[in-house]
Amino acid sequence: MKHSPGLIGQITKLLIFANVAVFALEAVLGPSFTGQISTIFGLSSTGLANGWWWQLVTHQFLHGNSVHLLVNMLMLWFVGRDMEDVLGQIAFLGLYIGGGIAGGLCQLPFLAPGGVLIGASGSVCAVLLALTTMFPKVSVTALLFFVLPVRLKAGLLGIVVVAGSILLWVSGLAPSIGHAAHLGGFAFGIFYAFAARLIFAGKRHTTTNSIADDWNTGMDLPQASTRDEAVEKLLRHGLESLSKAEVLLLESPTQRGGSRWH
């Protein structure tokens, strides 16, 4: 199947647009409506008991303030496009929504009576851990304290973010953050990544030739000589940057070596 460069990252962009649009709508409606919106569309045990199952999805598009929204959307922008390129649009959307549902269900037992969960962090955490699980040796840039760029291996980044979430939860710091939702999203992302690997491995022998036929020479970038270099090129520059030889390299068998925000 041929991938058009213009379509790369479209689901990621649509998700960011939807989150920003919902936040803008809440701002226009004002505080008097915000509480009602959170009650109806935020995730709560009371809501689910009332049969409001849509909350499992809709809570992922609500945010407490502009910083909450900005942090989640920045992370989604940096990791979402890459995973969308790798998985395809439908599978990526399943990862995002499924991660949010898993995170929400994990946080529910820890909500205070009458508490409501809002935020996309469970979804974003699932996308992040799927990337770090599928491509642990690829170098990525992480923003330390959301300011300082740090270059490190994806696998190490996954360990750091999971350990950080556990530490914050156990220490009692940032009590308004849904740490269990983060961990639920992490777990879903890891599971999804392993499932995707099995599916891709099963299809590899039937798709190698067709995929190679669909790719052009790629952009004017250095040619990858190893599979890890090809994966890194894919994640940095997208599918359109790969040559036929690099696609075949990727298809070869892998070598061993209150309201709670989230």
Foldseek 3Di string as FASTA:
>chain_A
DADDPVCQCVLLVVLLVLLVVVAVVDVVVDPVCVVVCQVLQFDAPVNVVVVSVNNLQRLASDDDDDVQSVVLSVLCVQQVRLVCLVQPPVLSVCLQSVQSSQLSVQLHVVADVVETEHHRLSSSLLSLLLVCLQQQQAWDWDDDVPPRTDIDGSVVVLVVVLVVLVVCVVVVHPVLARSSSSVSSNVSSNVSNVVVVVVLLVCLVVCLVVVLVNAAQADPDDADPALSSLSNCCSVPNPNRHHSVSSNRVSDDDDDPNYRYD
